[in-house]
Amino acid sequence: MLVLTLFGSTTAFAQSDLADIQNQWAVCQYQVAAKQKESCLEQLSAVADKASSANGSRADLLIWSAIIKSSWAGEKGGLGALELAKEAKMKLELAIKLDDKALDGSAYTSLGALYYQVPGWPIGFGDDKQAERLLKQALQINPTGIDPNYFYGDFLIDQGRKAQGKLYLQKALAAPARPGRELADKGRHQDIQQRLDKL
């Protein structure tokens, strides 16, 4: 229960609690052993859902609830993952309605990533055109950010546009550091390097 003990049962989530959720996601994503990752994300998802439910007007908490659910879906796989991805999609759409610029447009980045990673009709809601549109919107809001550049680069490579994708991955590597997000930045740099090495 490593995650749940961090927060207690408070319903008023301050900015520091959002930072805790972000940091705990980075721990689950990049430091926990592979076989424990799904369990770590499942526990954290319950915490993040509680935070976003208690603060329904906070787009930032909705976005993080969705990011964690998406990450958990990625670990889970199968039809159960698709249900989690649909929940994440709804949360991101709501966050965009509340404040599309929250967390430097992260809702567009995360929603765009879902659209190209989830299977298309009739199984899922995946849609490459929609993915590209959303990822470009994210880049308009945050042109130098590590995540929008990483996910757009990854999308382009996925589409067979390798040379273009490589440029965005290199932009992601050169992105400014995010204060307080050192572990996430380090992990994302590893993701980017692995993607570049495969090219």
N, C-alpha and C. Protein backbone atom coordinates (compact mmCIF):
# COMPACT_ATOMS: atom_id res chain seq x y z
N MET A 1 0.83 -1.20 0.00
CA MET A 1 0.00 0.00 0.00
C MET A 1 0.86 1.25 0.00
N LEU A 2 1.98 1.19 -0.69
CA LEU A 2 2.94 2.30 -0.61
C LEU A 2 2.34 3.63 -1.05
N VAL A 3 1.41 3.61 -1.98
CA VAL A 3 0.86 4.86 -2.49
C VAL A 3 -0.14 5.49 -1.52
N LEU A 4 -1.09 4.68 -1.07
CA LEU A 4 -2.21 5.22 -0.31
C LEU A 4 -1.78 5.85 1.00
N THR A 5 -0.66 5.38 1.56
CA THR A 5 -0.21 5.93 2.84
C THR A 5 0.33 7.35 2.69
N LEU A 6 0.61 7.76 1.47
CA LEU A 6 1.16 9.11 1.27
C LEU A 6 0.15 10.22 1.53
N PHE A 7 -1.12 9.90 1.38
CA PHE A 7 -2.10 10.97 1.30
C PHE A 7 -3.10 11.06 2.44
N GLY A 8 -3.32 9.95 3.17
CA GLY A 8 -4.38 9.99 4.17
C GLY A 8 -5.73 10.11 3.47
N SER A 9 -6.71 10.70 4.15
CA SER A 9 -8.05 10.76 3.57
C SER A 9 -8.54 12.19 3.38
N THR A 10 -7.62 13.14 3.22
CA THR A 10 -8.05 14.53 3.06
C THR A 10 -8.76 14.70 1.73
N THR A 11 -9.77 15.58 1.71
CA THR A 11 -10.49 15.82 0.46
C THR A 11 -10.02 17.11 -0.21
N ALA A 12 -9.41 18.01 0.55
CA ALA A 12 -8.92 19.25 -0.06
C ALA A 12 -7.48 19.04 -0.51
N PHE A 13 -7.29 18.97 -1.81
CA PHE A 13 -5.96 18.72 -2.35
C PHE A 13 -5.30 20.03 -2.75
N ALA A 14 -4.19 20.32 -2.11
CA ALA A 14 -3.43 21.54 -2.42
C ALA A 14 -2.47 21.25 -3.57
N GLN A 15 -1.74 22.28 -3.98
CA GLN A 15 -0.77 22.13 -5.06
C GLN A 15 0.30 21.10 -4.72
N SER A 16 0.69 21.05 -3.43
CA SER A 16 1.72 20.10 -3.01
C SER A 16 1.25 18.66 -3.20
N ASP A 17 -0.08 18.44 -3.05
CA ASP A 17 -0.61 17.09 -3.25
C ASP A 17 -0.56 16.69 -4.72
N LEU A 18 -0.77 17.67 -5.61
CA LEU A 18 -0.62 17.40 -7.04
C LEU A 18 0.82 16.99 -7.33
N ALA A 19 1.77 17.70 -6.73
CA ALA A 19 3.19 17.36 -6.90
C ALA A 19 3.48 15.95 -6.40
N ASP A 20 2.84 15.57 -5.27
CA ASP A 20 3.01 14.21 -4.74
C ASP A 20 2.50 13.17 -5.74
N ILE A 21 1.34 13.44 -6.33
CA ILE A 21 0.77 12.52 -7.32
C ILE A 21 1.70 12.40 -8.53
N GLN A 22 2.18 13.54 -9.01
CA GLN A 22 3.11 13.54 -10.16
C GLN A 22 4.38 12.74 -9.84
N ASN A 23 4.93 12.97 -8.65
CA ASN A 23 6.16 12.27 -8.27
C ASN A 23 5.93 10.78 -8.09
N GLN A 24 4.79 10.44 -7.50
CA GLN A 24 4.50 9.01 -7.29
C GLN A 24 4.28 8.31 -8.63
N TRP A 25 3.70 9.02 -9.60
CA TRP A 25 3.56 8.44 -10.95
C TRP A 25 4.94 8.13 -11.53
N ALA A 26 5.88 9.06 -11.37
CA ALA A 26 7.23 8.85 -11.89
C ALA A 26 7.90 7.66 -11.22
N VAL A 27 7.63 7.48 -9.92
CA VAL A 27 8.17 6.32 -9.20
C VAL A 27 7.58 5.03 -9.78
N CYS A 28 6.23 5.00 -9.93
CA CYS A 28 5.57 3.81 -10.50
C CYS A 28 6.10 3.53 -11.91
N GLN A 29 6.22 4.57 -12.69
CA GLN A 29 6.56 4.44 -14.11
C GLN A 29 8.03 4.05 -14.34
N TYR A 30 8.92 4.62 -13.53
CA TYR A 30 10.35 4.49 -13.84
C TYR A 30 11.20 3.79 -12.78
N GLN A 31 10.67 3.58 -11.57
CA GLN A 31 11.51 2.99 -10.53
C GLN A 31 11.01 1.67 -9.98
N VAL A 32 9.72 1.41 -10.09
CA VAL A 32 9.15 0.18 -9.55
C VAL A 32 9.47 -0.98 -10.51
N ALA A 33 9.73 -2.15 -9.95
CA ALA A 33 10.00 -3.34 -10.77
C ALA A 33 8.84 -3.61 -11.72
N ALA A 34 9.16 -4.11 -12.91
CA ALA A 34 8.16 -4.30 -13.97
C ALA A 34 6.93 -5.07 -13.48
N LYS A 35 7.13 -6.13 -12.68
CA LYS A 35 5.99 -6.95 -12.26
C LYS A 35 5.11 -6.25 -11.22
N GLN A 36 5.61 -5.19 -10.61
CA GLN A 36 4.82 -4.46 -9.61
C GLN A 36 4.23 -3.15 -10.16
N LYS A 37 4.58 -2.83 -11.38
CA LYS A 37 4.18 -1.53 -11.95
C LYS A 37 2.67 -1.38 -12.06
N GLU A 38 1.99 -2.42 -12.54
CA GLU A 38 0.54 -2.33 -12.71
C GLU A 38 -0.14 -2.09 -11.36
N SER A 39 0.28 -2.82 -10.34
CA SER A 39 -0.29 -2.67 -9.00
C SER A 39 -0.04 -1.26 -8.45
N CYS A 40 1.16 -0.74 -8.66
CA CYS A 40 1.52 0.60 -8.21
C CYS A 40 0.61 1.65 -8.86
N LEU A 41 0.41 1.52 -10.17
CA LEU A 41 -0.43 2.47 -10.90
C LEU A 41 -1.90 2.33 -10.53
N GLU A 42 -2.33 1.10 -10.27
CA GLU A 42 -3.73 0.88 -9.85
C GLU A 42 -4.01 1.58 -8.52
N GLN A 43 -3.08 1.44 -7.57
CA GLN A 43 -3.24 2.11 -6.27
C GLN A 43 -3.23 3.63 -6.42
N LEU A 44 -2.30 4.11 -7.23
CA LEU A 44 -2.18 5.56 -7.42
C LEU A 44 -3.41 6.11 -8.14
N SER A 45 -3.97 5.32 -9.05
CA SER A 45 -5.16 5.75 -9.77
C SER A 45 -6.32 6.01 -8.81
N ALA A 46 -6.45 5.16 -7.79
CA ALA A 46 -7.52 5.35 -6.79
C ALA A 46 -7.32 6.68 -6.05
N VAL A 47 -6.08 6.99 -5.73
CA VAL A 47 -5.75 8.25 -5.03
C VAL A 47 -6.06 9.45 -5.93
N ALA A 48 -5.62 9.36 -7.18
CA ALA A 48 -5.82 10.47 -8.12
C ALA A 48 -7.29 10.68 -8.45
N ASP A 49 -8.04 9.57 -8.57
CA ASP A 49 -9.49 9.67 -8.82
C ASP A 49 -10.17 10.39 -7.66
N LYS A 50 -9.78 10.03 -6.46
CA LYS A 50 -10.36 10.64 -5.26
C LYS A 50 -10.06 12.14 -5.24
N ALA A 51 -8.83 12.49 -5.59
CA ALA A 51 -8.43 13.90 -5.62
C ALA A 51 -9.23 14.68 -6.65
N SER A 52 -9.37 14.12 -7.86
CA SER A 52 -10.09 14.85 -8.91
C SER A 52 -11.59 14.91 -8.61
N SER A 53 -12.14 13.86 -7.99
CA SER A 53 -13.58 13.87 -7.64
C SER A 53 -13.87 14.91 -6.56
N ALA A 54 -12.94 15.05 -5.62
CA ALA A 54 -13.14 16.01 -4.52
C ALA A 54 -12.95 17.45 -4.97
N ASN A 55 -12.32 17.64 -6.12
CA ASN A 55 -12.02 18.98 -6.65
C ASN A 55 -12.43 19.02 -8.13
N GLY A 56 -13.73 18.89 -8.38
CA GLY A 56 -14.24 18.73 -9.73
C GLY A 56 -13.90 19.84 -10.71
N SER A 57 -13.57 21.02 -10.20
CA SER A 57 -13.27 22.14 -11.10
C SER A 57 -11.77 22.27 -11.39
N ARG A 58 -10.96 21.34 -10.87
CA ARG A 58 -9.51 21.40 -11.07
C ARG A 58 -9.10 20.57 -12.29
N ALA A 59 -8.84 21.26 -13.40
CA ALA A 59 -8.44 20.56 -14.62
C ALA A 59 -7.13 19.80 -14.42
N ASP A 60 -6.20 20.37 -13.63
CA ASP A 60 -4.89 19.73 -13.44
C ASP A 60 -5.02 18.36 -12.78
N LEU A 61 -5.93 18.24 -11.79
CA LEU A 61 -6.12 16.95 -11.13
C LEU A 61 -6.84 15.95 -12.04
N LEU A 62 -7.76 16.43 -12.86
CA LEU A 62 -8.41 15.56 -13.85
C LEU A 62 -7.39 15.02 -14.84
N ILE A 63 -6.50 15.88 -15.29
CA ILE A 63 -5.47 15.48 -16.25
C ILE A 63 -4.59 14.38 -15.64
N TRP A 64 -4.19 14.59 -14.39
CA TRP A 64 -3.31 13.59 -13.77
C TRP A 64 -4.04 12.29 -13.46
N SER A 65 -5.30 12.39 -13.12
CA SER A 65 -6.10 11.18 -12.94
C SER A 65 -6.12 10.38 -14.25
N ALA A 66 -6.27 11.10 -15.37
CA ALA A 66 -6.30 10.46 -16.70
C ALA A 66 -4.94 9.90 -17.10
N ILE A 67 -3.86 10.65 -16.83
CA ILE A 67 -2.51 10.19 -17.18
C ILE A 67 -2.21 8.87 -16.47
N ILE A 68 -2.56 8.81 -15.18
CA ILE A 68 -2.29 7.59 -14.40
C ILE A 68 -3.12 6.43 -14.92
N LYS A 69 -4.38 6.72 -15.25
CA LYS A 69 -5.26 5.68 -15.80
C LYS A 69 -4.71 5.17 -17.14
N SER A 70 -4.22 6.08 -17.98
CA SER A 70 -3.63 5.69 -19.27
C SER A 70 -2.40 4.82 -19.07
N SER A 71 -1.55 5.23 -18.11
CA SER A 71 -0.33 4.45 -17.83
C SER A 71 -0.70 3.06 -17.32
N TRP A 72 -1.70 3.00 -16.45
CA TRP A 72 -2.17 1.72 -15.92
C TRP A 72 -2.71 0.86 -17.07
N ALA A 73 -3.47 1.47 -17.98
CA ALA A 73 -3.99 0.74 -19.15
C ALA A 73 -2.85 0.14 -19.96
N GLY A 74 -1.78 0.92 -20.13
CA GLY A 74 -0.62 0.45 -20.88
C GLY A 74 0.02 -0.78 -20.26
N GLU A 75 0.02 -0.84 -18.94
CA GLU A 75 0.58 -2.01 -18.24
C GLU A 75 -0.39 -3.18 -18.24
N LYS A 76 -1.67 -2.89 -18.16
CA LYS A 76 -2.69 -3.94 -18.02
C LYS A 76 -2.88 -4.72 -19.31
N GLY A 77 -3.04 -4.01 -20.43
CA GLY A 77 -3.29 -4.66 -21.71
C GLY A 77 -4.68 -5.29 -21.79
N GLY A 78 -5.08 -5.72 -22.97
CA GLY A 78 -6.35 -6.42 -23.17
C GLY A 78 -7.57 -5.51 -23.07
N LEU A 79 -8.74 -6.12 -22.94
CA LEU A 79 -9.99 -5.37 -22.94
C LEU A 79 -10.13 -4.50 -21.69
N GLY A 80 -9.57 -4.96 -20.57
CA GLY A 80 -9.59 -4.15 -19.35
C GLY A 80 -8.88 -2.83 -19.56
N ALA A 81 -7.83 -2.86 -20.35
CA ALA A 81 -7.07 -1.64 -20.64
C ALA A 81 -7.91 -0.67 -21.46
N LEU A 82 -8.74 -1.19 -22.35
CA LEU A 82 -9.57 -0.34 -23.19
C LEU A 82 -10.59 0.44 -22.34
N GLU A 83 -11.13 -0.21 -21.33
CA GLU A 83 -12.08 0.47 -20.43
C GLU A 83 -11.37 1.61 -19.69
N LEU A 84 -10.16 1.34 -19.23
CA LEU A 84 -9.38 2.39 -18.54
C LEU A 84 -9.08 3.54 -19.49
N ALA A 85 -8.74 3.21 -20.74
CA ALA A 85 -8.43 4.25 -21.73
C ALA A 85 -9.66 5.11 -22.01
N LYS A 86 -10.85 4.50 -22.04
CA LYS A 86 -12.09 5.26 -22.26
C LYS A 86 -12.35 6.21 -21.09
N GLU A 87 -12.11 5.73 -19.86
CA GLU A 87 -12.27 6.59 -18.69
C GLU A 87 -11.30 7.77 -18.75
N ALA A 88 -10.05 7.48 -19.13
CA ALA A 88 -9.04 8.53 -19.24
C ALA A 88 -9.45 9.56 -20.29
N LYS A 89 -9.98 9.08 -21.42
CA LYS A 89 -10.42 9.97 -22.50
C LYS A 89 -11.50 10.93 -22.01
N MET A 90 -12.49 10.41 -21.26
CA MET A 90 -13.57 11.25 -20.75
C MET A 90 -13.03 12.33 -19.81
N LYS A 91 -12.09 11.94 -18.95
CA LYS A 91 -11.50 12.90 -18.00
C LYS A 91 -10.73 13.99 -18.75
N LEU A 92 -10.00 13.62 -19.77
CA LEU A 92 -9.22 14.60 -20.54
C LEU A 92 -10.13 15.55 -21.31
N GLU A 93 -11.20 15.03 -21.87
CA GLU A 93 -12.16 15.89 -22.58
C GLU A 93 -12.79 16.90 -21.63
N LEU A 94 -13.10 16.44 -20.42
CA LEU A 94 -13.66 17.34 -19.41
C LEU A 94 -12.64 18.39 -18.99
N ALA A 95 -11.38 17.98 -18.82
CA ALA A 95 -10.31 18.91 -18.44
C ALA A 95 -10.14 20.00 -19.50
N ILE A 96 -10.24 19.63 -20.78
CA ILE A 96 -10.12 20.60 -21.88
C ILE A 96 -11.26 21.61 -21.82
N LYS A 97 -12.46 21.13 -21.49
CA LYS A 97 -13.61 22.05 -21.36
C LYS A 97 -13.40 23.01 -20.19
N LEU A 98 -12.83 22.52 -19.10
CA LEU A 98 -12.61 23.35 -17.91
C LEU A 98 -11.51 24.39 -18.15
N ASP A 99 -10.37 23.92 -18.70
CA ASP A 99 -9.22 24.81 -18.90
C ASP A 99 -8.23 24.12 -19.84
N ASP A 100 -8.35 24.43 -21.14
CA ASP A 100 -7.51 23.70 -22.11
C ASP A 100 -6.03 24.06 -22.02
N LYS A 101 -5.71 25.15 -21.31
CA LYS A 101 -4.29 25.54 -21.17
C LYS A 101 -3.66 24.98 -19.88
N ALA A 102 -4.45 24.28 -19.05
CA ALA A 102 -3.94 23.74 -17.78
C ALA A 102 -2.73 22.86 -18.02
N LEU A 103 -1.73 23.00 -17.12
CA LEU A 103 -0.48 22.21 -17.22
C LEU A 103 0.11 22.29 -18.64
N ASP A 104 0.15 23.51 -19.18
CA ASP A 104 0.73 23.75 -20.52
C ASP A 104 0.11 22.88 -21.61
N GLY A 105 -1.22 22.71 -21.55
CA GLY A 105 -1.90 21.96 -22.61
C GLY A 105 -1.72 20.45 -22.53
N SER A 106 -1.39 19.94 -21.34
CA SER A 106 -1.12 18.50 -21.19
C SER A 106 -2.31 17.62 -21.56
N ALA A 107 -3.53 18.14 -21.42
CA ALA A 107 -4.70 17.32 -21.77
C ALA A 107 -4.67 16.98 -23.26
N TYR A 108 -4.27 17.94 -24.10
CA TYR A 108 -4.17 17.67 -25.55
C TYR A 108 -3.10 16.62 -25.83
N THR A 109 -1.96 16.73 -25.14
CA THR A 109 -0.87 15.76 -25.33
C THR A 109 -1.35 14.35 -24.98
N SER A 110 -1.95 14.23 -23.80
CA SER A 110 -2.36 12.90 -23.31
C SER A 110 -3.50 12.31 -24.16
N LEU A 111 -4.44 13.18 -24.56
CA LEU A 111 -5.56 12.71 -25.39
C LEU A 111 -5.05 12.31 -26.78
N GLY A 112 -4.16 13.10 -27.33
CA GLY A 112 -3.56 12.76 -28.63
C GLY A 112 -2.83 11.42 -28.57
N ALA A 113 -2.09 11.20 -27.47
CA ALA A 113 -1.37 9.93 -27.30
C ALA A 113 -2.34 8.76 -27.23
N LEU A 114 -3.44 8.95 -26.51
CA LEU A 114 -4.45 7.88 -26.43
C LEU A 114 -5.00 7.55 -27.82
N TYR A 115 -5.30 8.58 -28.60
CA TYR A 115 -5.91 8.36 -29.92
C TYR A 115 -5.02 7.55 -30.87
N TYR A 116 -3.68 7.66 -30.74
CA TYR A 116 -2.86 6.85 -31.65
C TYR A 116 -2.43 5.52 -31.02
N GLN A 117 -2.56 5.38 -29.71
CA GLN A 117 -2.12 4.14 -29.07
C GLN A 117 -3.25 3.12 -28.89
N VAL A 118 -4.49 3.61 -28.87
CA VAL A 118 -5.65 2.73 -28.69
C VAL A 118 -6.07 2.20 -30.07
N PRO A 119 -6.51 0.93 -30.16
CA PRO A 119 -6.97 0.41 -31.46
C PRO A 119 -8.15 1.22 -31.99
N GLY A 120 -8.29 1.23 -33.31
CA GLY A 120 -9.40 1.94 -33.94
C GLY A 120 -10.68 1.12 -33.94
N TRP A 121 -11.71 1.68 -34.59
CA TRP A 121 -13.00 1.00 -34.71
C TRP A 121 -12.82 -0.35 -35.41
N PRO A 122 -13.51 -1.43 -35.06
CA PRO A 122 -14.64 -1.50 -34.12
C PRO A 122 -14.22 -1.82 -32.67
N ILE A 123 -12.93 -1.98 -32.43
CA ILE A 123 -12.50 -2.38 -31.07
C ILE A 123 -12.47 -1.18 -30.13
N GLY A 124 -11.78 -0.12 -30.57
CA GLY A 124 -11.60 1.04 -29.70
C GLY A 124 -11.92 2.34 -30.42
N PHE A 125 -11.44 3.45 -29.83
CA PHE A 125 -11.74 4.78 -30.39
C PHE A 125 -10.53 5.38 -31.11
N GLY A 126 -9.48 4.61 -31.29
CA GLY A 126 -8.26 5.12 -31.92
C GLY A 126 -8.51 5.79 -33.26
N ASP A 127 -7.76 6.88 -33.52
CA ASP A 127 -7.98 7.67 -34.74
C ASP A 127 -6.72 8.51 -34.97
N ASP A 128 -5.94 8.15 -35.98
CA ASP A 128 -4.66 8.81 -36.21
C ASP A 128 -4.80 10.28 -36.60
N LYS A 129 -5.83 10.61 -37.37
CA LYS A 129 -6.04 12.02 -37.76
C LYS A 129 -6.34 12.88 -36.54
N GLN A 130 -7.20 12.36 -35.68
CA GLN A 130 -7.55 13.06 -34.45
C GLN A 130 -6.31 13.18 -33.55
N ALA A 131 -5.51 12.13 -33.50
CA ALA A 131 -4.28 12.14 -32.69
C ALA A 131 -3.36 13.27 -33.16
N GLU A 132 -3.16 13.37 -34.47
CA GLU A 132 -2.25 14.40 -34.98
C GLU A 132 -2.78 15.80 -34.69
N ARG A 133 -4.08 15.99 -34.86
CA ARG A 133 -4.68 17.30 -34.60
C ARG A 133 -4.47 17.72 -33.14
N LEU A 134 -4.70 16.80 -32.21
CA LEU A 134 -4.56 17.09 -30.78
C LEU A 134 -3.10 17.33 -30.40
N LEU A 135 -2.21 16.51 -30.93
CA LEU A 135 -0.78 16.67 -30.60
C LEU A 135 -0.24 18.00 -31.14
N LYS A 136 -0.73 18.42 -32.30
CA LYS A 136 -0.32 19.73 -32.84
C LYS A 136 -0.86 20.87 -31.97
N GLN A 137 -2.07 20.70 -31.44
CA GLN A 137 -2.62 21.72 -30.52
C GLN A 137 -1.76 21.82 -29.27
N ALA A 138 -1.33 20.66 -28.76
CA ALA A 138 -0.46 20.64 -27.57
C ALA A 138 0.84 21.40 -27.85
N LEU A 139 1.38 21.20 -29.04
CA LEU A 139 2.64 21.87 -29.41
C LEU A 139 2.45 23.37 -29.61
N GLN A 140 1.27 23.79 -30.03
CA GLN A 140 1.00 25.23 -30.14
C GLN A 140 1.05 25.90 -28.77
N ILE A 141 0.52 25.19 -27.75
CA ILE A 141 0.50 25.74 -26.39
C ILE A 141 1.88 25.64 -25.74
N ASN A 142 2.58 24.53 -25.99
CA ASN A 142 3.86 24.27 -25.32
C ASN A 142 4.89 23.76 -26.33
N PRO A 143 5.38 24.66 -27.20
CA PRO A 143 6.23 24.23 -28.32
C PRO A 143 7.57 23.62 -27.92
N THR A 144 8.09 23.97 -26.73
CA THR A 144 9.40 23.43 -26.33
C THR A 144 9.29 22.33 -25.28
N GLY A 145 8.06 21.93 -24.92
CA GLY A 145 7.87 20.95 -23.84
C GLY A 145 8.37 19.56 -24.20
N ILE A 146 8.84 18.85 -23.19
CA ILE A 146 9.37 17.49 -23.42
C ILE A 146 8.28 16.52 -23.87
N ASP A 147 7.11 16.57 -23.21
CA ASP A 147 6.07 15.58 -23.53
C ASP A 147 5.40 15.79 -24.88
N PRO A 148 4.97 17.03 -25.22
CA PRO A 148 4.34 17.17 -26.55
C PRO A 148 5.30 16.83 -27.69
N ASN A 149 6.57 17.18 -27.54
CA ASN A 149 7.54 16.84 -28.59
C ASN A 149 7.81 15.34 -28.64
N TYR A 150 7.90 14.71 -27.46
CA TYR A 150 8.13 13.26 -27.42
C TYR A 150 6.97 12.51 -28.07
N PHE A 151 5.74 12.83 -27.65
CA PHE A 151 4.60 12.07 -28.16
C PHE A 151 4.34 12.35 -29.64
N TYR A 152 4.58 13.58 -30.09
CA TYR A 152 4.40 13.85 -31.51
C TYR A 152 5.47 13.12 -32.32
N GLY A 153 6.71 13.13 -31.82
CA GLY A 153 7.78 12.38 -32.49
C GLY A 153 7.47 10.89 -32.55
N ASP A 154 6.99 10.34 -31.44
CA ASP A 154 6.64 8.93 -31.37
C ASP A 154 5.51 8.60 -32.35
N PHE A 155 4.52 9.50 -32.40
CA PHE A 155 3.39 9.33 -33.33
C PHE A 155 3.89 9.32 -34.78
N LEU A 156 4.75 10.27 -35.12
CA LEU A 156 5.25 10.36 -36.50
C LEU A 156 6.02 9.10 -36.90
N ILE A 157 6.82 8.58 -35.98
CA ILE A 157 7.58 7.34 -36.24
C ILE A 157 6.60 6.19 -36.44
N ASP A 158 5.58 6.15 -35.59
CA ASP A 158 4.52 5.15 -35.67
C ASP A 158 3.83 5.18 -37.05
N GLN A 159 3.77 6.39 -37.63
CA GLN A 159 3.14 6.58 -38.94
C GLN A 159 4.11 6.34 -40.11
N GLY A 160 5.35 6.00 -39.78
CA GLY A 160 6.36 5.76 -40.82
C GLY A 160 7.08 7.02 -41.27
N ARG A 161 6.83 8.15 -40.59
CA ARG A 161 7.48 9.42 -40.94
C ARG A 161 8.70 9.61 -40.03
N LYS A 162 9.68 8.72 -40.22
CA LYS A 162 10.79 8.59 -39.26
C LYS A 162 11.68 9.82 -39.17
N ALA A 163 12.04 10.40 -40.31
CA ALA A 163 12.95 11.55 -40.28
C ALA A 163 12.32 12.72 -39.53
N GLN A 164 11.05 12.96 -39.78
CA GLN A 164 10.33 14.03 -39.10
C GLN A 164 10.19 13.72 -37.61
N GLY A 165 9.86 12.46 -37.31
CA GLY A 165 9.71 12.04 -35.92
C GLY A 165 10.99 12.21 -35.14
N LYS A 166 12.11 11.90 -35.77
CA LYS A 166 13.42 12.02 -35.11
C LYS A 166 13.68 13.47 -34.69
N LEU A 167 13.30 14.42 -35.53
CA LEU A 167 13.49 15.85 -35.20
C LEU A 167 12.73 16.23 -33.93
N TYR A 168 11.50 15.72 -33.80
CA TYR A 168 10.71 16.05 -32.60
C TYR A 168 11.27 15.36 -31.36
N LEU A 169 11.79 14.14 -31.53
CA LEU A 169 12.41 13.46 -30.39
C LEU A 169 13.65 14.24 -29.93
N GLN A 170 14.42 14.76 -30.88
CA GLN A 170 15.60 15.55 -30.52
C GLN A 170 15.20 16.86 -29.83
N LYS A 171 14.09 17.45 -30.29
CA LYS A 171 13.57 18.64 -29.60
C LYS A 171 13.15 18.31 -28.17
N ALA A 172 12.56 17.13 -27.99
CA ALA A 172 12.14 16.68 -26.66
C ALA A 172 13.36 16.52 -25.74
N LEU A 173 14.45 15.96 -26.29
CA LEU A 173 15.68 15.79 -25.50
C LEU A 173 16.24 17.13 -25.05
N ALA A 174 16.05 18.15 -25.88
CA ALA A 174 16.59 19.49 -25.59
C ALA A 174 15.62 20.36 -24.79
N ALA A 175 14.48 19.80 -24.40
CA ALA A 175 13.45 20.58 -23.69
C ALA A 175 13.98 21.08 -22.34
N PRO A 176 13.50 22.27 -21.90
CA PRO A 176 13.93 22.78 -20.60
C PRO A 176 13.52 21.85 -19.46
N ALA A 177 14.36 21.76 -18.45
CA ALA A 177 14.06 20.92 -17.28
C ALA A 177 12.83 21.47 -16.57
N ARG A 178 12.05 20.56 -15.96
CA ARG A 178 10.85 20.96 -15.21
C ARG A 178 11.16 20.88 -13.72
N PRO A 179 11.18 22.02 -13.03
CA PRO A 179 11.49 22.01 -11.60
C PRO A 179 10.53 21.10 -10.82
N GLY A 180 11.09 20.25 -9.98
CA GLY A 180 10.29 19.33 -9.19
C GLY A 180 9.90 18.06 -9.92
N ARG A 181 10.24 17.98 -11.21
CA ARG A 181 9.87 16.80 -12.01
C ARG A 181 11.12 16.08 -12.52
N GLU A 182 12.18 16.13 -11.70
CA GLU A 182 13.48 15.59 -12.14
C GLU A 182 13.41 14.10 -12.50
N LEU A 183 12.72 13.32 -11.67
CA LEU A 183 12.62 11.88 -11.92
C LEU A 183 11.86 11.60 -13.22
N ALA A 184 10.76 12.33 -13.43
CA ALA A 184 9.98 12.16 -14.67
C ALA A 184 10.81 12.56 -15.89
N ASP A 185 11.56 13.67 -15.77
CA ASP A 185 12.40 14.11 -16.89
C ASP A 185 13.48 13.07 -17.22
N LYS A 186 14.09 12.53 -16.18
CA LYS A 186 15.14 11.52 -16.39
C LYS A 186 14.56 10.28 -17.08
N GLY A 187 13.39 9.85 -16.61
CA GLY A 187 12.74 8.68 -17.21
C GLY A 187 12.33 8.93 -18.65
N ARG A 188 11.80 10.14 -18.91
CA ARG A 188 11.39 10.46 -20.27
C ARG A 188 12.59 10.53 -21.21
N HIS A 189 13.71 11.07 -20.71
CA HIS A 189 14.93 11.08 -21.52
C HIS A 189 15.33 9.66 -21.92
N GLN A 190 15.18 8.72 -20.99
CA GLN A 190 15.49 7.31 -21.31
C GLN A 190 14.54 6.78 -22.38
N ASP A 191 13.25 7.12 -22.26
CA ASP A 191 12.26 6.70 -23.28
C ASP A 191 12.66 7.23 -24.66
N ILE A 192 13.04 8.51 -24.70
CA ILE A 192 13.40 9.16 -25.96
C ILE A 192 14.64 8.49 -26.56
N GLN A 193 15.63 8.27 -25.72
CA GLN A 193 16.89 7.67 -26.20
C GLN A 193 16.64 6.26 -26.75
N GLN A 194 15.79 5.49 -26.07
CA GLN A 194 15.46 4.14 -26.55
C GLN A 194 14.77 4.20 -27.92
N ARG A 195 13.88 5.20 -28.07
CA ARG A 195 13.17 5.34 -29.35
C ARG A 195 14.15 5.74 -30.46
N LEU A 196 15.08 6.64 -30.14
CA LEU A 196 16.09 7.07 -31.13
C LEU A 196 17.02 5.91 -31.50
N ASP A 197 17.39 5.13 -30.49
CA ASP A 197 18.31 4.00 -30.74
C ASP A 197 17.70 2.96 -31.68
N LYS A 198 16.37 2.84 -31.64
CA LYS A 198 15.68 1.85 -32.50
C LYS A 198 15.59 2.32 -33.95
N LEU A 199 15.75 3.62 -34.18
CA LEU A 199 15.61 4.15 -35.55
C LEU A 199 16.78 3.73 -36.43
